[in-house]
Amino acid sequence: MDIEFIRGDTKPLKFQVKDNKGNLLKMDSNDELIFTIKKNYNTKNAILQKKLSDGSIHYESGYYFITLTHEDTAKLKYGTYVYDIQLMSSGIVATLILGTITLTEEVTYIENE
């Protein structure tokens, strides 16, 4: 899933986790969801990570929510980044979503706020 938005804007994301039969899954305390943004696929260094275990991913009414805040992107360079959402559960590691995030130009810069 590819995402595009203005650098420095708040961007909410929501997604569901389903099993092979399409049934909604809710993680428990032994499970982990990790959202990672990197500059490209070849680098090991994450620019940003959000995790279910630290509360930066939360669950409500069948959906998981991640919010990219102003602070998360305001100082990043314009351009395209890669991201994924990974599930770790009972020894299973699965990439649920893989895509790009493109940060476009803004008019009001952080220095003007």
N, C-alpha and C. Protein backbone atom coordinates (compact mmCIF):
# COMPACT_ATOMS: atom_id res chain seq x y z
N MET A 1 0.85 -1.17 0.00
CA MET A 1 0.00 0.00 0.00
C MET A 1 0.89 1.23 0.00
N ASP A 2 0.76 2.07 -0.99
CA ASP A 2 1.56 3.29 -1.09
C ASP A 2 0.78 4.46 -0.52
N ILE A 3 1.50 5.33 0.19
CA ILE A 3 0.91 6.47 0.88
C ILE A 3 1.64 7.73 0.44
N GLU A 4 0.91 8.81 0.24
CA GLU A 4 1.52 10.10 -0.09
C GLU A 4 0.84 11.18 0.73
N PHE A 5 1.64 12.03 1.37
CA PHE A 5 1.08 13.15 2.11
C PHE A 5 2.14 14.24 2.28
N ILE A 6 1.70 15.42 2.73
CA ILE A 6 2.59 16.56 2.90
C ILE A 6 3.46 16.36 4.12
N ARG A 7 4.75 16.55 3.95
CA ARG A 7 5.70 16.43 5.06
C ARG A 7 5.26 17.32 6.22
N GLY A 8 5.27 16.77 7.42
CA GLY A 8 4.90 17.53 8.60
C GLY A 8 3.42 17.45 8.96
N ASP A 9 2.60 16.92 8.07
CA ASP A 9 1.19 16.75 8.41
C ASP A 9 1.01 15.50 9.27
N THR A 10 -0.07 15.48 10.03
CA THR A 10 -0.44 14.29 10.79
C THR A 10 -1.16 13.35 9.85
N LYS A 11 -0.75 12.08 9.84
CA LYS A 11 -1.34 11.10 8.93
C LYS A 11 -1.75 9.87 9.72
N PRO A 12 -3.06 9.67 9.93
CA PRO A 12 -3.51 8.45 10.59
C PRO A 12 -3.58 7.29 9.59
N LEU A 13 -3.19 6.12 10.04
CA LEU A 13 -3.27 4.90 9.24
C LEU A 13 -4.07 3.87 10.03
N LYS A 14 -4.88 3.08 9.33
CA LYS A 14 -5.59 2.00 10.01
C LYS A 14 -5.56 0.76 9.14
N PHE A 15 -5.52 -0.39 9.80
CA PHE A 15 -5.47 -1.66 9.08
C PHE A 15 -6.03 -2.75 9.97
N GLN A 16 -6.37 -3.86 9.35
CA GLN A 16 -6.86 -5.03 10.07
C GLN A 16 -5.86 -6.17 9.91
N VAL A 17 -5.87 -7.07 10.87
CA VAL A 17 -5.06 -8.29 10.80
C VAL A 17 -6.04 -9.45 10.72
N LYS A 18 -5.91 -10.25 9.66
CA LYS A 18 -6.82 -11.37 9.44
C LYS A 18 -6.02 -12.66 9.26
N ASP A 19 -6.66 -13.78 9.60
CA ASP A 19 -6.03 -15.08 9.36
C ASP A 19 -6.28 -15.51 7.92
N ASN A 20 -5.84 -16.71 7.57
CA ASN A 20 -5.98 -17.22 6.20
C ASN A 20 -7.43 -17.36 5.74
N LYS A 21 -8.35 -17.43 6.69
CA LYS A 21 -9.77 -17.58 6.34
C LYS A 21 -10.51 -16.25 6.36
N GLY A 22 -9.79 -15.17 6.61
CA GLY A 22 -10.41 -13.86 6.62
C GLY A 22 -10.99 -13.44 7.95
N ASN A 23 -10.73 -14.22 9.00
CA ASN A 23 -11.22 -13.87 10.33
C ASN A 23 -10.31 -12.81 10.96
N LEU A 24 -10.92 -11.81 11.59
CA LEU A 24 -10.15 -10.77 12.26
C LEU A 24 -9.37 -11.35 13.43
N LEU A 25 -8.14 -10.91 13.58
CA LEU A 25 -7.30 -11.33 14.69
C LEU A 25 -7.02 -10.15 15.59
N LYS A 26 -7.00 -10.41 16.89
CA LYS A 26 -6.62 -9.41 17.87
C LYS A 26 -5.39 -9.93 18.59
N MET A 27 -4.34 -9.12 18.60
CA MET A 27 -3.08 -9.53 19.22
C MET A 27 -3.25 -9.61 20.73
N ASP A 28 -2.46 -10.49 21.36
CA ASP A 28 -2.42 -10.51 22.81
C ASP A 28 -1.06 -10.03 23.28
N SER A 29 -0.79 -10.11 24.58
CA SER A 29 0.45 -9.55 25.13
C SER A 29 1.71 -10.26 24.65
N ASN A 30 1.58 -11.45 24.08
CA ASN A 30 2.74 -12.19 23.55
C ASN A 30 3.03 -11.86 22.09
N ASP A 31 2.14 -11.11 21.44
CA ASP A 31 2.29 -10.77 20.04
C ASP A 31 2.87 -9.37 19.89
N GLU A 32 3.47 -9.13 18.75
CA GLU A 32 4.03 -7.80 18.47
C GLU A 32 3.73 -7.40 17.04
N LEU A 33 3.36 -6.15 16.86
CA LEU A 33 3.25 -5.51 15.55
C LEU A 33 4.30 -4.41 15.52
N ILE A 34 5.05 -4.33 14.43
CA ILE A 34 6.07 -3.30 14.30
C ILE A 34 5.91 -2.60 12.95
N PHE A 35 5.80 -1.29 12.99
CA PHE A 35 5.75 -0.43 11.81
C PHE A 35 7.12 0.21 11.68
N THR A 36 7.79 0.03 10.53
CA THR A 36 9.14 0.55 10.32
C THR A 36 9.20 1.35 9.03
N ILE A 37 9.85 2.53 9.11
CA ILE A 37 10.13 3.33 7.92
C ILE A 37 11.65 3.40 7.77
N LYS A 38 12.12 3.18 6.51
CA LYS A 38 13.54 3.30 6.18
C LYS A 38 13.67 4.12 4.90
N LYS A 39 14.87 4.62 4.64
CA LYS A 39 15.12 5.39 3.42
C LYS A 39 14.98 4.52 2.18
N ASN A 40 15.47 3.29 2.26
CA ASN A 40 15.34 2.36 1.13
C ASN A 40 15.50 0.94 1.65
N TYR A 41 15.29 -0.03 0.78
CA TYR A 41 15.34 -1.43 1.19
C TYR A 41 16.75 -1.91 1.54
N ASN A 42 17.77 -1.21 1.08
CA ASN A 42 19.14 -1.66 1.27
C ASN A 42 19.77 -1.23 2.59
N THR A 43 19.15 -0.33 3.31
CA THR A 43 19.70 0.13 4.58
C THR A 43 19.09 -0.63 5.74
N LYS A 44 19.89 -0.85 6.77
CA LYS A 44 19.39 -1.52 7.97
C LYS A 44 18.88 -0.53 9.00
N ASN A 45 19.20 0.75 8.83
CA ASN A 45 18.84 1.77 9.81
C ASN A 45 17.41 2.25 9.61
N ALA A 46 16.61 2.10 10.66
CA ALA A 46 15.23 2.59 10.63
C ALA A 46 15.22 4.08 10.91
N ILE A 47 14.39 4.80 10.17
CA ILE A 47 14.17 6.22 10.42
C ILE A 47 13.15 6.38 11.54
N LEU A 48 12.18 5.47 11.56
CA LEU A 48 11.09 5.55 12.53
C LEU A 48 10.54 4.15 12.75
N GLN A 49 10.22 3.84 14.01
CA GLN A 49 9.52 2.60 14.33
C GLN A 49 8.43 2.89 15.34
N LYS A 50 7.31 2.22 15.16
CA LYS A 50 6.21 2.27 16.12
C LYS A 50 5.82 0.83 16.40
N LYS A 51 5.48 0.56 17.69
CA LYS A 51 5.20 -0.81 18.11
C LYS A 51 3.91 -0.90 18.91
N LEU A 52 3.28 -2.05 18.80
CA LEU A 52 2.12 -2.34 19.61
C LEU A 52 2.51 -2.34 21.09
N SER A 53 3.66 -2.93 21.39
CA SER A 53 4.09 -3.09 22.78
C SER A 53 4.40 -1.76 23.47
N ASP A 54 4.74 -0.71 22.71
CA ASP A 54 5.02 0.58 23.37
C ASP A 54 3.83 1.53 23.30
N GLY A 55 2.70 1.04 22.76
CA GLY A 55 1.48 1.85 22.71
C GLY A 55 1.37 2.78 21.52
N SER A 56 2.37 2.80 20.64
CA SER A 56 2.29 3.69 19.48
C SER A 56 1.48 3.08 18.34
N ILE A 57 1.11 1.81 18.47
CA ILE A 57 0.07 1.18 17.65
C ILE A 57 -1.01 0.75 18.62
N HIS A 58 -2.24 1.08 18.34
CA HIS A 58 -3.31 0.66 19.25
C HIS A 58 -4.47 0.02 18.48
N TYR A 59 -5.27 -0.73 19.22
CA TYR A 59 -6.37 -1.51 18.66
C TYR A 59 -7.69 -0.93 19.12
N GLU A 60 -8.64 -0.87 18.17
CA GLU A 60 -9.98 -0.41 18.52
C GLU A 60 -10.98 -0.93 17.49
N SER A 61 -11.98 -1.63 17.94
CA SER A 61 -13.10 -2.07 17.11
C SER A 61 -12.68 -2.79 15.83
N GLY A 62 -11.74 -3.72 15.95
CA GLY A 62 -11.34 -4.52 14.81
C GLY A 62 -10.23 -3.94 13.96
N TYR A 63 -9.76 -2.76 14.29
CA TYR A 63 -8.70 -2.10 13.53
C TYR A 63 -7.51 -1.76 14.42
N TYR A 64 -6.33 -1.77 13.79
CA TYR A 64 -5.12 -1.26 14.42
C TYR A 64 -4.85 0.11 13.84
N PHE A 65 -4.42 1.04 14.69
CA PHE A 65 -4.20 2.42 14.30
C PHE A 65 -2.76 2.83 14.57
N ILE A 66 -2.18 3.53 13.60
CA ILE A 66 -0.86 4.14 13.71
C ILE A 66 -1.05 5.59 13.29
N THR A 67 -0.49 6.51 14.06
CA THR A 67 -0.55 7.92 13.67
C THR A 67 0.86 8.43 13.43
N LEU A 68 1.11 8.88 12.20
CA LEU A 68 2.36 9.57 11.91
C LEU A 68 2.12 11.02 12.29
N THR A 69 2.87 11.50 13.26
CA THR A 69 2.67 12.84 13.78
C THR A 69 3.51 13.86 13.02
N HIS A 70 3.22 15.10 13.28
CA HIS A 70 4.00 16.20 12.73
C HIS A 70 5.49 16.00 13.03
N GLU A 71 5.79 15.65 14.26
CA GLU A 71 7.18 15.46 14.69
C GLU A 71 7.86 14.30 13.97
N ASP A 72 7.09 13.29 13.58
CA ASP A 72 7.67 12.12 12.90
C ASP A 72 8.26 12.47 11.54
N THR A 73 7.64 13.42 10.82
CA THR A 73 8.07 13.67 9.44
C THR A 73 8.56 15.08 9.16
N ALA A 74 8.36 16.02 10.07
CA ALA A 74 8.65 17.44 9.79
C ALA A 74 10.09 17.70 9.39
N LYS A 75 11.04 16.94 9.90
CA LYS A 75 12.45 17.20 9.61
C LYS A 75 13.04 16.23 8.59
N LEU A 76 12.21 15.36 8.03
CA LEU A 76 12.69 14.44 7.00
C LEU A 76 12.78 15.17 5.66
N LYS A 77 13.61 14.67 4.78
CA LYS A 77 13.72 15.24 3.44
C LYS A 77 12.50 14.82 2.62
N TYR A 78 12.12 15.66 1.67
CA TYR A 78 11.08 15.28 0.73
C TYR A 78 11.53 14.03 0.00
N GLY A 79 10.57 13.21 -0.41
CA GLY A 79 10.93 12.04 -1.19
C GLY A 79 10.17 10.81 -0.76
N THR A 80 10.61 9.70 -1.28
CA THR A 80 9.93 8.42 -1.06
C THR A 80 10.75 7.54 -0.14
N TYR A 81 10.07 6.97 0.83
CA TYR A 81 10.64 6.06 1.82
C TYR A 81 9.91 4.73 1.71
N VAL A 82 10.48 3.68 2.26
CA VAL A 82 9.83 2.37 2.28
C VAL A 82 9.38 2.06 3.71
N TYR A 83 8.33 1.28 3.81
CA TYR A 83 7.84 0.88 5.14
C TYR A 83 7.27 -0.52 5.06
N ASP A 84 7.15 -1.12 6.24
CA ASP A 84 6.38 -2.35 6.36
C ASP A 84 5.75 -2.42 7.73
N ILE A 85 4.78 -3.31 7.84
CA ILE A 85 4.17 -3.64 9.12
C ILE A 85 4.36 -5.14 9.29
N GLN A 86 5.04 -5.50 10.37
CA GLN A 86 5.41 -6.90 10.58
C GLN A 86 4.74 -7.43 11.84
N LEU A 87 4.28 -8.67 11.75
CA LEU A 87 3.67 -9.38 12.87
C LEU A 87 4.64 -10.43 13.37
N MET A 88 4.81 -10.49 14.69
CA MET A 88 5.57 -11.55 15.32
C MET A 88 4.67 -12.19 16.36
N SER A 89 4.37 -13.49 16.16
CA SER A 89 3.43 -14.19 17.03
C SER A 89 3.79 -15.67 17.10
N SER A 90 4.04 -16.16 18.29
CA SER A 90 4.30 -17.59 18.51
C SER A 90 5.34 -18.16 17.55
N GLY A 91 6.45 -17.45 17.38
CA GLY A 91 7.52 -17.92 16.51
C GLY A 91 7.31 -17.65 15.03
N ILE A 92 6.18 -17.06 14.69
CA ILE A 92 5.89 -16.72 13.29
C ILE A 92 6.23 -15.25 13.06
N VAL A 93 6.91 -14.99 11.96
CA VAL A 93 7.18 -13.61 11.53
C VAL A 93 6.55 -13.45 10.16
N ALA A 94 5.67 -12.47 10.03
CA ALA A 94 4.97 -12.26 8.76
C ALA A 94 4.88 -10.77 8.45
N THR A 95 5.23 -10.39 7.24
CA THR A 95 5.06 -9.02 6.79
C THR A 95 3.63 -8.88 6.30
N LEU A 96 2.87 -8.03 6.98
CA LEU A 96 1.45 -7.85 6.66
C LEU A 96 1.23 -6.84 5.55
N ILE A 97 2.00 -5.75 5.59
CA ILE A 97 1.85 -4.67 4.62
C ILE A 97 3.24 -4.18 4.26
N LEU A 98 3.44 -3.91 2.98
CA LEU A 98 4.72 -3.40 2.48
C LEU A 98 4.39 -2.32 1.46
N GLY A 99 5.09 -1.19 1.54
CA GLY A 99 4.80 -0.13 0.59
C GLY A 99 5.75 1.03 0.69
N THR A 100 5.34 2.15 0.11
CA THR A 100 6.14 3.36 0.13
C THR A 100 5.35 4.49 0.77
N ILE A 101 6.10 5.42 1.33
CA ILE A 101 5.54 6.68 1.84
C ILE A 101 6.27 7.80 1.12
N THR A 102 5.53 8.63 0.43
CA THR A 102 6.11 9.77 -0.26
C THR A 102 5.72 11.04 0.48
N LEU A 103 6.74 11.79 0.90
CA LEU A 103 6.53 13.07 1.57
C LEU A 103 6.65 14.17 0.54
N THR A 104 5.57 14.92 0.37
CA THR A 104 5.55 15.97 -0.63
C THR A 104 5.84 17.34 0.01
N GLU A 105 6.02 18.34 -0.85
CA GLU A 105 6.39 19.67 -0.39
C GLU A 105 5.30 20.32 0.43
N GLU A 106 5.75 21.20 1.31
CA GLU A 106 4.85 21.94 2.19
C GLU A 106 5.03 23.43 1.96
N VAL A 107 4.12 24.22 2.50
CA VAL A 107 4.23 25.67 2.42
C VAL A 107 4.70 26.23 3.76
N THR A 108 4.07 25.79 4.85
CA THR A 108 4.44 26.26 6.18
C THR A 108 5.47 25.32 6.76
N TYR A 109 6.68 25.80 6.93
CA TYR A 109 7.77 24.99 7.47
C TYR A 109 7.76 25.03 9.00
N ILE A 110 8.40 24.06 9.60
CA ILE A 110 8.47 23.98 11.05
C ILE A 110 9.02 25.27 11.66
N GLU A 111 9.93 25.92 10.97
CA GLU A 111 10.53 27.16 11.45
C GLU A 111 9.51 28.30 11.48
N ASN A 112 8.41 28.20 10.72
CA ASN A 112 7.39 29.23 10.66
C ASN A 112 6.30 29.04 11.71
N GLU A 113 6.35 27.96 12.42
CA GLU A 113 5.25 27.66 13.37
C GLU A 113 5.46 28.33 14.70
